Amino acid sequence: MTSGSDLRTLRKNRSLTLAQLAEAMGRSLGWMSQVERDVSRINSDDLLKLARILDVAPSLLRQPQAEAPQEEGRIVRAGRRRAVGHRFEGLTEALISPDLTDSFEIVHSSFLPGHSLPEPVRRETQEIGFMLAGQLDLTFGDQTFTVGPGDSFRIRNEPYSWSNPYSETAVALWVISPPIY
């Protein structure tokens, strides 16, 4: 099952109209509207195509079933987190937030030893990271900083890269606004 509200958030944060997304999907505006309103469900092929268009992991578009009805939209159990991110080798990310309908999202990231971002990335976001474990090298322009447990950092719409040349997995929590995953 997809989450229409998450889909709407992702579409708007990419400055796409409903008509543009429908056209990119090769579907009608009415169908796309029904998907966003959780009236229509999408098949696995459409889900994969939608994930490619929005540049997200397909798992982000699948709404996990809450353990109990009263938990829906409030509680995310550890085993039910949705994988997110752009699938860089050595990086795994999971959505901590129940959904993408707030003005921010919280992501849990694990950086394996000996891995790094292949090239700097830039996102039109404001991000705060908080290190839970390990060490991570962050590069902004020509400056590199090493952060470790208890350290935090901010990224504001600027190119950055990360590297974990250390022997321990680095783990961070990120607060990202607006939601992009």
Foldseek 3Di string as FASTA:
>chain_A
DFALLQLVLLCVLVVHDLCRLCVQLVHDSVVSVCVSVVNDDDDPVSLVSSCVVSVKDSQLRDQFDDPDPVCQQPAADPVRWTWIDNDDPQKTKTWRGNGQNDQKTKMKMKGAAPDKDPFWDFDQKKKKKAWQAAWKWKDFPHDIDIDGHGDMDIDHRGTMMMHHNDHDIIIMMMIIGNDND
